[in-house]
Protein backbone atom coordinates (compact mmCIF):
# COMPACT_ATOMS: atom_id res chain seq x y z
CA UNK A 1 25.64 -6.59 -26.24
CA UNK A 2 23.81 -9.20 -24.17
CA UNK A 3 26.35 -8.86 -21.37
CA UNK A 4 25.70 -5.09 -21.19
CA UNK A 5 21.98 -5.80 -20.92
CA UNK A 6 22.49 -8.18 -17.99
CA UNK A 7 24.83 -5.74 -16.27
CA UNK A 8 22.30 -2.93 -16.68
CA UNK A 9 19.54 -5.15 -15.29
CA UNK A 10 21.62 -6.18 -12.30
CA UNK A 11 22.51 -2.55 -11.52
CA UNK A 12 18.84 -1.61 -11.81
CA UNK A 13 17.57 -4.36 -9.52
CA UNK A 14 20.27 -3.88 -6.90
CA UNK A 15 19.42 -0.18 -6.73
CA UNK A 16 15.77 -0.84 -5.84
CA UNK A 17 14.83 -0.46 -2.18
CA UNK A 18 14.30 -3.74 -0.40
CA UNK A 19 10.70 -4.57 0.35
CA UNK A 20 9.90 -5.51 3.91
CA UNK A 21 8.88 -9.05 4.74
CA UNK A 22 5.11 -9.10 4.87
CA UNK A 23 3.08 -11.52 6.99
CA UNK A 24 0.26 -13.38 5.24
CA UNK A 25 -2.71 -11.02 5.23
CA UNK A 26 -6.38 -11.79 5.75
CA UNK A 27 -8.63 -9.59 3.60
CA UNK A 28 -11.72 -10.15 5.78
CA UNK A 29 -9.87 -8.91 8.86
CA UNK A 30 -8.32 -6.15 6.77
CA UNK A 31 -11.72 -4.81 5.79
CA UNK A 32 -12.55 -4.22 9.46
CA UNK A 33 -9.11 -2.83 10.26
CA UNK A 34 -9.31 -0.38 7.32
CA UNK A 35 -12.38 1.38 8.70
CA UNK A 36 -10.67 4.75 9.16
CA UNK A 37 -8.98 4.46 5.74
CA UNK A 38 -12.32 4.67 3.94
CA UNK A 39 -12.84 8.34 4.77
CA UNK A 40 -10.02 9.31 2.40
CA UNK A 41 -9.53 6.23 0.21
CA UNK A 42 -13.15 5.08 -0.17
CA UNK A 43 -14.87 1.96 1.14
CA UNK A 44 -13.19 -0.35 -1.37
CA UNK A 45 -10.06 1.73 -1.94
CA UNK A 46 -11.36 3.91 -4.76
CA UNK A 47 -11.05 7.52 -3.61
CA UNK A 48 -13.65 10.05 -4.68
CA UNK A 49 -10.98 12.76 -4.49
CA UNK A 50 -8.26 13.13 -7.09
CA UNK A 51 -5.68 14.14 -4.48
CA UNK A 52 -5.96 10.83 -2.57
CA UNK A 53 -4.56 7.67 -4.16
CA UNK A 54 -6.74 4.75 -5.16
CA UNK A 55 -5.70 1.65 -3.24
CA UNK A 56 -7.99 -0.92 -4.85
CA UNK A 57 -6.17 -3.52 -6.90
CA UNK A 58 -2.71 -2.34 -5.82
CA UNK A 59 0.02 -4.82 -5.01
CA UNK A 60 -0.27 -5.92 -1.36
CA UNK A 61 3.51 -5.93 -0.79
CA UNK A 62 3.73 -2.36 -2.11
CA UNK A 63 0.86 -1.18 0.13
CA UNK A 64 2.39 -2.92 3.14
CA UNK A 65 5.79 -1.32 2.53
CA UNK A 66 4.20 2.09 1.94
CA UNK A 67 2.28 1.91 5.21
CA UNK A 68 5.44 0.89 7.06
CA UNK A 69 7.21 3.81 5.44
CA UNK A 70 4.59 6.20 6.78
CA UNK A 71 4.78 4.64 10.24
CA UNK A 72 8.54 5.08 10.34
CA UNK A 73 8.49 8.63 8.88
CA UNK A 74 10.35 7.41 5.79
CA UNK A 75 7.65 8.70 3.43
CA UNK A 76 6.98 12.37 3.00
CA UNK A 77 4.40 14.53 1.39
CA UNK A 78 1.56 16.75 2.43
CA UNK A 79 -0.39 14.00 4.20
CA UNK A 80 2.55 12.06 5.66
CA UNK A 81 2.01 13.18 9.27
CA UNK A 82 -1.68 12.32 9.11
CA UNK A 83 -0.90 8.90 7.63
CA UNK A 84 1.71 8.30 10.34
CA UNK A 85 -0.84 9.08 13.03
CA UNK A 86 -3.52 6.89 11.44
CA UNK A 87 -1.12 3.95 11.21
CA UNK A 88 0.71 4.44 14.53
CA UNK A 89 -1.38 1.95 16.54
CA UNK A 90 -1.20 -0.83 13.93
CA UNK A 91 1.25 -3.72 13.93
CA UNK A 92 2.70 -5.55 10.91
CA UNK A 93 -0.13 -8.10 10.88
CA UNK A 94 -2.70 -5.29 10.81
CA UNK A 95 -0.87 -3.65 7.91
CA UNK A 96 -0.70 -6.96 6.02
CA UNK A 97 -4.43 -7.53 6.52
CA UNK A 98 -5.28 -4.02 5.28
CA UNK A 99 -2.90 -4.33 2.33
CA UNK A 100 -4.44 -7.67 1.38
CA UNK A 101 -7.96 -6.26 1.62
CA UNK A 102 -7.17 -3.46 -0.82
CA UNK A 103 -5.15 -5.75 -3.10
CA UNK A 104 -8.09 -8.12 -3.67
CA UNK A 105 -10.47 -5.29 -4.56
CA UNK A 106 -11.15 -4.81 -8.26
CA UNK A 107 -8.96 -2.04 -9.64
CA UNK A 108 -10.58 1.04 -11.13
CA UNK A 109 -13.76 2.94 -10.52
CA UNK A 110 -16.50 0.72 -9.08
CA UNK A 111 -19.54 0.41 -11.31
CA UNK A 112 -22.69 2.05 -9.97
CA UNK A 113 -25.50 -0.33 -9.18
């Protein structure tokens, strides 16, 4: 029984896509580099629109890989072309900085002050 469990786990993990190596990101630099992102995803990554994903509090490695996927036309969807264009001038360090900025933001809807 235990052997079947380990086999199932190994099959599961080997079937996952490999995540790209991500440079160490700087959230302060990422905040500046994410300027154009705020129009759809909000200033801190919480989108005011239900059809745009919230980025605040997401895993930095996931965000980095997702942005690379858009750059390389590996991700689809209604907004894929627009995302590809927005990200086209950014290098891996820029993506890591932006991903880190959104990752350190508190997840969920920001409280009104």
